[in-house]
Amino acid sequence: MKTLLLLVTALTFAFSARADELADANQLFDFAEKTYARYFSPAGQTTQTLQGYLVRYYPDTNSYLGTSGGSVYVHGQQFGVGIIRVGNVTDFITPATGAANTVVDLTNRILTRRAANCSDFAGSYQGTAQDFARNLSFTGNLAIAVSNGSCTFTSNNIPNHTMGEGGAFATPVSAQNSNFRMTASPSAAAQTSALGLTWNSGVLLNGVRIDMFAAACFGVGDGKIGCNNESQPWRYDPMSPKNKFGTDIHNAHTQPDGAYHYHGNPKTLFDFSKVVESPVVGFAADGFPLFGSYFKDQAGNVRKARSSYQLKSGSRPSGSGNPGGVYDGTYRDDYEFVSGLGDLDSCNGMTVNGIYGYYITDEFPYMTNCFRGTPDTSFRKGGGGAPR
């Protein structure tokens, strides 16, 4: 079992199996042993729990069959290299109980699983969030469903942690009806797509949206709202300590309609205080995963991913329509991409062990800066249309 344990460690999930999950797994295992005996024999092996997976090992065929999060996995020479996902439990059986009836409590939950496919997280989730300023309690709901090669995230956009602590929201938090869809098999597009005001950048595994841009530019209104022209230069960076956008300790605040959203490291869902490989914490609109900050490099060292952006040198142009002053990070235009400067590409992503994903960084651009794949139009605010 040592081989499987080492492989599964890379795909761990913090949620332990419950009784109904075990019943579904055993029902699936029994079905597979009868239907695919040439792969899984002798029948009736003991079901074991390994790092969040339910697994049976079949010594005659030297193969493994496992379930986790409603998905089915196989491992063995006859299947190919590594752990292979072959579908959902419900693709093979009609569970007597099942994950569909299980609601996982996400309140202040720290994830550990690095599974890079959105379908691996299918299920129902719930979490409690306290509005710090108003001393109100909210319940966040999230359902992740898989159908026809796509994942659908349906939530009320309420997180699994306190809201507003350390911040000053212009609009009180309110629940939203969020319904985002993404491909479960993302691939790189011929060219990247830019982020923008009209797109939500992604969604985290607590059901809350990522929205990297702010409608705030130099010389437009009060500089905090109203800059709706995506081509307008000198757009303020909400993450800059030089700007006061009222973000809380989770680098989030509200939009005018009360929608809570992140601009940077959510300081939740992954352990950012320890040097351990970070899990998947969400997905971008193009279906590629968003990891926490830490990864294992080619030398075998676990460290933070480094952005390849840096501040421009010198001073900004002055005069009509320009703010002047030195490039200090006040504006998104203060930064430039330098290929090879860090670990990440211009979208703030990289490929590790054959899996492309975006990474949370301490520096600009913090989460994502463009779409490497093709974003689903469900992430477009107001619906419809392709990215520029």
Protein backbone atom coordinates (compact mmCIF):
# COMPACT_ATOMS: atom_id res chain seq x y z
CA MET A 1 0.00 0.00 0.00
CA LYS A 2 3.03 2.30 0.24
CA THR A 3 2.84 3.20 -3.46
CA LEU A 4 -0.79 4.23 -3.24
CA LEU A 5 -0.21 6.17 -0.03
CA LEU A 6 2.51 8.23 -1.68
CA LEU A 7 0.34 8.94 -4.71
CA VAL A 8 -2.75 9.74 -2.71
CA THR A 9 -0.88 12.14 -0.44
CA ALA A 10 -0.76 14.57 -3.38
CA LEU A 11 -4.54 14.46 -3.61
CA THR A 12 -5.53 14.69 0.05
CA PHE A 13 -8.72 16.34 1.17
CA ALA A 14 -9.43 17.59 4.68
CA PHE A 15 -12.95 16.22 4.89
CA SER A 16 -13.07 12.76 6.46
CA ALA A 17 -15.45 10.09 5.16
CA ARG A 18 -18.84 9.82 6.80
CA ALA A 19 -21.02 6.72 7.19
CA ASP A 20 -23.10 7.41 4.08
CA GLU A 21 -19.96 7.99 2.00
CA LEU A 22 -18.61 4.64 3.16
CA ALA A 23 -21.88 2.94 2.24
CA ASP A 24 -21.77 4.46 -1.25
CA ALA A 25 -18.12 3.46 -1.70
CA ASN A 26 -18.80 -0.13 -0.67
CA GLN A 27 -21.79 -0.26 -3.02
CA LEU A 28 -19.54 0.96 -5.86
CA PHE A 29 -16.75 -1.49 -4.97
CA ASP A 30 -19.17 -4.44 -4.89
CA PHE A 31 -20.58 -3.42 -8.28
CA ALA A 32 -17.10 -3.11 -9.82
CA GLU A 33 -15.99 -6.50 -8.48
CA LYS A 34 -18.96 -8.20 -10.16
CA THR A 35 -18.91 -6.19 -13.39
CA TYR A 36 -15.14 -5.83 -13.92
CA ALA A 37 -13.76 -8.90 -12.16
CA ARG A 38 -10.82 -9.04 -14.58
CA TYR A 39 -9.57 -5.81 -13.04
CA PHE A 40 -10.68 -6.13 -9.41
CA SER A 41 -10.16 -9.55 -7.81
CA PRO A 42 -10.46 -11.31 -5.55
CA ALA A 43 -13.73 -9.71 -4.49
CA GLY A 44 -14.62 -8.70 -0.97
CA GLN A 45 -11.41 -6.90 -0.01
CA THR A 46 -11.37 -4.67 3.05
CA THR A 47 -12.24 -1.02 2.49
CA GLN A 48 -9.59 1.27 3.95
CA THR A 49 -9.38 5.01 4.56
CA LEU A 50 -6.17 6.59 3.23
CA GLN A 51 -5.70 10.34 3.49
CA GLY A 52 -9.38 11.06 2.90
CA TYR A 53 -9.89 8.41 0.19
CA LEU A 54 -11.87 5.18 0.57
CA VAL A 55 -9.84 2.41 -1.12
CA ARG A 56 -9.81 -1.31 -1.83
CA TYR A 57 -6.66 -3.10 -2.98
CA TYR A 58 -6.93 -6.25 -5.13
CA PRO A 59 -3.79 -8.41 -4.83
CA ASP A 60 -4.55 -10.82 -7.69
CA THR A 61 -4.72 -8.01 -10.24
CA ASN A 62 -2.42 -5.63 -8.33
CA SER A 63 -4.95 -2.83 -8.75
CA TYR A 64 -6.63 -0.21 -6.60
CA LEU A 65 -10.14 1.20 -6.68
CA GLY A 66 -11.02 4.29 -4.67
CA THR A 67 -13.62 7.01 -4.16
CA SER A 68 -13.41 10.55 -2.89
CA GLY A 69 -15.77 13.49 -3.11
CA GLY A 70 -18.20 11.54 -5.27
CA SER A 71 -15.52 10.63 -7.84
CA VAL A 72 -14.08 7.19 -8.73
CA TYR A 73 -10.34 6.55 -9.16
CA VAL A 74 -8.29 3.55 -10.32
CA HIS A 75 -4.59 2.77 -10.14
CA GLY A 76 -2.68 -0.08 -11.72
CA GLN A 77 -0.48 -0.92 -14.68
CA GLN A 78 -3.48 -2.02 -16.75
CA PHE A 79 -5.02 1.45 -16.48
CA GLY A 80 -2.02 3.61 -17.29
CA VAL A 81 0.31 5.83 -15.30
CA GLY A 82 -0.69 7.30 -11.93
CA ILE A 83 -4.07 7.68 -10.31
CA ILE A 84 -6.77 7.98 -12.96
CA ARG A 85 -10.21 9.46 -12.44
CA VAL A 86 -12.79 7.40 -14.35
CA GLY A 87 -15.97 9.27 -13.47
CA ASN A 88 -18.49 9.91 -10.73
CA VAL A 89 -19.89 7.33 -8.35
CA THR A 90 -23.30 8.10 -9.82
CA ASP A 91 -22.02 7.19 -13.30
CA PHE A 92 -21.87 3.55 -12.20
CA ILE A 93 -24.46 3.11 -9.43
CA THR A 94 -27.47 4.79 -7.88
CA PRO A 95 -26.30 5.31 -4.32
CA ALA A 96 -28.57 4.27 -1.52
CA THR A 97 -27.31 7.28 0.44
CA GLY A 98 -24.45 9.28 -1.00
CA ALA A 99 -22.64 12.58 -1.01
CA ALA A 100 -25.69 14.25 -2.51
CA ASN A 101 -27.33 13.88 0.94
CA THR A 102 -24.25 15.02 2.83
CA VAL A 103 -23.61 18.67 3.61
CA VAL A 104 -19.98 19.34 4.51
CA ASP A 105 -19.37 22.04 7.12
CA LEU A 106 -16.82 24.51 5.74
CA THR A 107 -16.76 26.93 8.67
CA ASN A 108 -13.13 28.06 9.05
CA ARG A 109 -12.09 24.88 7.24
CA ILE A 110 -8.49 24.49 6.07
CA LEU A 111 -8.27 22.43 2.88
CA THR A 112 -5.39 20.14 1.91
CA ARG A 113 -6.48 18.51 -1.34
CA ARG A 114 -4.56 19.31 -4.56
CA ALA A 115 -7.01 17.67 -7.00
CA ALA A 116 -6.98 19.94 -10.04
CA ASN A 117 -10.30 19.02 -11.63
CA CYS A 118 -13.41 20.90 -10.50
CA SER A 119 -15.44 17.68 -10.70
CA ASP A 120 -13.37 16.26 -7.84
CA PHE A 121 -15.13 18.66 -5.47
CA ALA A 122 -18.72 17.81 -6.37
CA GLY A 123 -20.96 17.99 -3.34
CA SER A 124 -22.89 20.23 -0.97
CA TYR A 125 -21.22 22.61 1.45
CA GLN A 126 -22.25 25.04 4.15
CA GLY A 127 -20.46 27.49 6.41
CA THR A 128 -21.17 30.11 9.04
CA ALA A 129 -19.96 33.68 8.58
CA GLN A 130 -20.14 36.53 11.07
CA ASP A 131 -20.59 40.09 9.84
CA PHE A 132 -18.06 41.76 12.13
CA ALA A 133 -19.39 45.31 11.87
CA ARG A 134 -23.08 44.50 12.28
CA ASN A 135 -22.70 41.48 14.58
CA LEU A 136 -24.92 39.45 12.29
CA SER A 137 -24.58 35.77 11.49
CA PHE A 138 -24.92 34.47 7.93
CA THR A 139 -25.00 30.94 6.54
CA GLY A 140 -23.13 30.32 3.33
CA ASN A 141 -24.35 27.63 0.94
CA LEU A 142 -22.51 26.06 -1.98
CA ALA A 143 -23.42 23.18 -4.29
CA ILE A 144 -20.98 21.89 -6.91
CA ALA A 145 -22.59 19.71 -9.57
CA VAL A 146 -21.04 17.94 -12.56
CA SER A 147 -22.83 17.37 -15.85
CA ASN A 148 -21.81 16.98 -19.49
CA GLY A 149 -18.17 17.79 -18.83
CA SER A 150 -18.87 20.98 -16.87
CA CYS A 151 -18.98 21.98 -13.22
CA THR A 152 -21.64 24.32 -11.87
CA PHE A 153 -21.05 26.28 -8.67
CA THR A 154 -24.33 27.46 -7.14
CA SER A 155 -24.00 29.58 -4.01
CA ASN A 156 -25.30 32.57 -2.08
CA ASN A 157 -21.79 34.12 -2.14
CA ILE A 158 -21.45 34.09 1.65
CA PRO A 159 -18.01 32.90 2.85
CA ASN A 160 -17.03 30.47 5.58
CA HIS A 161 -15.33 33.06 7.80
CA THR A 162 -15.84 36.47 9.38
CA MET A 163 -16.57 39.39 7.08
CA GLY A 164 -15.57 42.99 7.59
CA GLU A 165 -12.98 42.60 10.34
CA GLY A 166 -10.30 45.24 9.81
CA GLY A 167 -12.22 46.76 6.90
CA ALA A 168 -14.70 49.51 6.19
CA PHE A 169 -17.35 48.43 3.68
CA ALA A 170 -19.20 51.15 1.79
CA THR A 171 -22.15 48.78 1.35
CA PRO A 172 -23.29 46.13 3.86
CA VAL A 173 -22.81 42.50 2.88
CA SER A 174 -25.83 40.82 1.35
CA ALA A 175 -26.38 37.31 -0.01
CA GLN A 176 -26.33 36.93 -3.79
CA ASN A 177 -27.59 34.32 -6.22
CA SER A 178 -24.39 33.08 -7.86
CA ASN A 179 -24.37 30.47 -10.58
CA PHE A 180 -21.03 29.89 -12.28
CA ARG A 181 -20.20 27.18 -14.79
CA MET A 182 -16.78 26.04 -16.05
CA THR A 183 -15.31 23.24 -18.08
CA ALA A 184 -14.02 20.23 -16.18
CA SER A 185 -11.33 19.76 -18.86
CA PRO A 186 -9.61 23.13 -19.30
CA SER A 187 -7.04 23.67 -22.02
CA ALA A 188 -4.87 26.57 -23.07
CA ALA A 189 -6.38 28.87 -25.68
CA ALA A 190 -4.48 30.16 -28.70
CA GLN A 191 -3.99 33.42 -26.84
CA THR A 192 -4.74 34.67 -23.36
CA SER A 193 -7.83 36.73 -22.52
CA ALA A 194 -7.65 39.87 -20.42
CA LEU A 195 -9.45 40.29 -17.14
CA GLY A 196 -11.79 43.22 -16.87
CA LEU A 197 -14.61 44.97 -15.10
CA THR A 198 -17.21 42.92 -16.92
CA TRP A 199 -15.87 39.56 -15.73
CA ASN A 200 -15.73 37.78 -12.42
CA SER A 201 -12.29 36.20 -12.38
CA GLY A 202 -13.21 32.97 -10.64
CA VAL A 203 -14.82 31.38 -7.61
CA LEU A 204 -13.32 29.88 -4.46
CA LEU A 205 -14.30 26.58 -2.87
CA ASN A 206 -16.38 28.45 -0.31
CA GLY A 207 -18.64 29.76 -3.09
CA VAL A 208 -17.38 33.37 -3.06
CA ARG A 209 -16.36 35.11 -6.28
CA ILE A 210 -12.99 36.57 -7.22
CA ASP A 211 -13.13 40.00 -8.86
CA MET A 212 -9.67 41.40 -9.41
CA PHE A 213 -10.55 44.79 -10.91
CA ALA A 214 -11.95 47.87 -9.23
CA ALA A 215 -14.01 50.53 -11.02
CA ALA A 216 -11.61 53.21 -9.82
CA CYS A 217 -9.16 55.27 -11.88
CA PHE A 218 -7.13 58.43 -11.51
CA GLY A 219 -9.08 61.50 -12.59
CA VAL A 220 -12.46 59.73 -12.77
CA GLY A 221 -15.05 60.85 -10.22
CA ASP A 222 -13.80 60.55 -6.67
CA GLY A 223 -11.26 57.92 -7.74
CA LYS A 224 -13.14 55.14 -5.94
CA ILE A 225 -15.98 54.29 -8.31
CA GLY A 226 -17.35 55.10 -11.73
CA CYS A 227 -14.39 54.15 -13.94
CA ASN A 228 -16.27 51.78 -16.23
CA ASN A 229 -14.07 52.17 -19.30
CA GLU A 230 -11.82 49.11 -19.28
CA SER A 231 -9.25 50.92 -21.44
CA GLN A 232 -8.92 53.81 -18.98
CA PRO A 233 -5.30 54.01 -17.76
CA TRP A 234 -4.13 54.40 -14.18
CA ARG A 235 -6.62 52.04 -12.57
CA TYR A 236 -6.13 51.85 -8.83
CA ASP A 237 -4.91 48.58 -7.31
CA PRO A 238 -7.28 47.64 -4.44
CA MET A 239 -4.49 45.62 -2.79
CA SER A 240 -2.05 48.51 -2.53
CA PRO A 241 -1.62 49.73 1.07
CA LYS A 242 -1.41 53.21 -0.40
CA ASN A 243 -5.07 52.99 -1.42
CA LYS A 244 -7.97 52.77 0.99
CA PHE A 245 -10.57 50.44 -0.45
CA GLY A 246 -11.88 49.21 2.88
CA THR A 247 -10.84 45.59 2.40
CA ASP A 248 -10.97 43.36 5.47
CA ILE A 249 -8.38 40.92 6.82
CA HIS A 250 -9.38 38.50 4.04
CA ASN A 251 -8.53 41.04 1.30
CA ALA A 252 -12.20 41.32 0.42
CA HIS A 253 -14.92 43.95 0.47
CA THR A 254 -18.32 44.56 -1.09
CA GLN A 255 -19.52 45.83 -4.42
CA PRO A 256 -22.28 48.47 -4.52
CA ASP A 257 -24.89 45.69 -4.50
CA GLY A 258 -23.40 44.14 -1.35
CA ALA A 259 -21.62 41.26 -3.12
CA TYR A 260 -18.62 40.12 -1.08
CA HIS A 261 -15.57 39.40 -3.27
CA TYR A 262 -11.81 38.86 -3.03
CA HIS A 263 -8.98 40.92 -4.53
CA GLY A 264 -6.11 38.88 -3.10
CA ASN A 265 -5.10 36.12 -0.67
CA PRO A 266 -8.32 35.22 1.18
CA LYS A 267 -6.31 34.22 4.25
CA THR A 268 -8.59 31.22 4.48
CA LEU A 269 -9.08 27.73 2.99
CA PHE A 270 -5.33 27.00 3.03
CA ASP A 271 -2.59 27.21 5.63
CA PHE A 272 -0.55 30.21 4.51
CA SER A 273 1.48 30.31 7.74
CA LYS A 274 3.33 27.00 7.22
CA VAL A 275 5.69 25.86 4.51
CA VAL A 276 3.56 23.03 3.14
CA GLU A 277 2.31 22.40 -0.40
CA SER A 278 -0.87 24.40 -0.83
CA PRO A 279 -4.17 22.86 -1.91
CA VAL A 280 -6.56 23.95 -4.61
CA VAL A 281 -8.68 26.74 -3.12
CA GLY A 282 -10.84 27.59 -6.14
CA PHE A 283 -11.11 27.75 -9.89
CA ALA A 284 -10.73 30.51 -12.45
CA ALA A 285 -13.45 31.21 -14.99
CA ASP A 286 -11.57 29.11 -17.58
CA GLY A 287 -11.65 25.99 -15.37
CA PHE A 288 -7.99 25.99 -14.39
CA PRO A 289 -7.40 25.53 -10.64
CA LEU A 290 -6.25 28.24 -8.26
CA PHE A 291 -3.68 26.97 -5.75
CA GLY A 292 -2.53 28.56 -2.53
CA SER A 293 0.95 30.06 -2.34
CA TYR A 294 3.26 27.07 -1.80
CA PHE A 295 4.47 24.47 -4.31
CA LYS A 296 7.31 21.95 -4.59
CA ASP A 297 9.94 23.09 -7.09
CA GLN A 298 12.14 20.87 -9.28
CA ALA A 299 14.78 20.75 -6.57
CA GLY A 300 12.25 19.24 -4.18
CA ASN A 301 11.96 22.39 -2.07
CA VAL A 302 8.56 23.60 -0.89
CA ARG A 303 8.37 27.38 -1.22
CA LYS A 304 6.12 30.24 -2.20
CA ALA A 305 5.47 30.82 -5.89
CA ARG A 306 7.06 34.06 -7.10
CA SER A 307 5.33 36.53 -9.37
CA SER A 308 7.14 37.67 -12.52
CA TYR A 309 5.89 41.25 -12.24
CA GLN A 310 7.92 44.14 -10.92
CA LEU A 311 7.47 47.86 -10.41
CA LYS A 312 8.55 49.98 -13.33
CA SER A 313 11.55 52.20 -12.72
CA GLY A 314 11.45 55.97 -12.77
CA SER A 315 8.39 58.18 -12.68
CA ARG A 316 4.97 58.11 -14.28
CA PRO A 317 4.17 60.66 -16.97
CA SER A 318 2.67 63.88 -15.72
CA GLY A 319 0.35 66.38 -17.29
CA SER A 320 -3.27 66.06 -18.36
CA GLY A 321 -4.75 62.68 -17.49
CA ASN A 322 -1.60 61.39 -15.80
CA PRO A 323 -0.93 61.20 -12.06
CA GLY A 324 2.84 61.76 -12.10
CA GLY A 325 4.93 60.56 -9.18
CA VAL A 326 7.11 57.47 -8.92
CA TYR A 327 5.91 53.98 -9.78
CA ASP A 328 5.00 52.72 -6.31
CA GLY A 329 2.16 50.24 -6.87
CA THR A 330 -0.73 52.65 -6.45
CA TYR A 331 -1.95 51.75 -9.93
CA ARG A 332 -2.03 48.49 -11.86
CA ASP A 333 -0.14 50.31 -14.62
CA ASP A 334 2.79 50.70 -12.24
CA TYR A 335 3.78 47.07 -12.87
CA GLU A 336 5.45 45.35 -15.79
CA PHE A 337 5.85 41.67 -16.62
CA VAL A 338 9.38 40.32 -16.96
CA SER A 339 9.47 36.78 -18.32
CA GLY A 340 11.55 34.51 -16.08
CA LEU A 341 11.79 37.00 -13.23
CA GLY A 342 9.80 34.65 -11.02
CA ASP A 343 8.11 31.28 -11.34
CA LEU A 344 4.85 32.39 -12.90
CA ASP A 345 3.70 33.49 -16.33
CA SER A 346 1.84 36.67 -17.23
CA CYS A 347 -1.45 35.20 -15.99
CA ASN A 348 0.19 34.29 -12.65
CA GLY A 349 0.17 30.58 -13.42
CA MET A 350 2.56 27.72 -14.12
CA THR A 351 2.63 24.00 -14.80
CA VAL A 352 3.71 21.71 -11.94
CA ASN A 353 3.76 17.93 -12.43
CA GLY A 354 1.86 18.34 -15.68
CA ILE A 355 -0.93 20.42 -14.14
CA TYR A 356 -1.38 24.08 -15.04
CA GLY A 357 -2.81 26.32 -12.36
CA TYR A 358 -2.81 29.86 -11.03
CA TYR A 359 -1.10 30.62 -7.72
CA ILE A 360 -1.81 33.07 -4.93
CA THR A 361 1.14 35.43 -4.49
CA ASP A 362 2.02 38.09 -1.96
CA GLU A 363 2.92 40.41 -4.82
CA PHE A 364 1.02 41.76 -7.80
CA PRO A 365 -1.08 40.33 -9.44
CA TYR A 366 -2.01 38.36 -6.27
CA MET A 367 -4.25 35.69 -7.88
CA THR A 368 -4.82 35.88 -11.63
CA ASN A 369 -3.98 38.51 -14.22
CA CYS A 370 -5.48 36.99 -17.36
CA PHE A 371 -7.18 33.82 -18.54
CA ARG A 372 -4.87 31.16 -19.96
CA GLY A 373 -7.88 29.19 -21.16
CA THR A 374 -11.32 30.23 -22.39
CA PRO A 375 -13.55 31.61 -19.63
CA ASP A 376 -17.14 30.49 -19.48
CA THR A 377 -19.64 33.25 -20.20
CA SER A 378 -21.45 32.52 -16.92
CA PHE A 379 -18.67 34.54 -15.26
CA ARG A 380 -19.49 37.59 -17.36
CA LYS A 381 -21.40 40.14 -15.34
CA GLY A 382 -24.80 40.65 -16.88
CA GLY A 383 -24.36 37.43 -18.91
CA GLY A 384 -23.19 36.57 -22.40
CA GLY A 385 -20.34 37.68 -24.59
CA ALA A 386 -16.73 36.71 -25.07
CA PRO A 387 -13.75 38.30 -23.33
CA ARG A 388 -11.75 40.95 -25.05
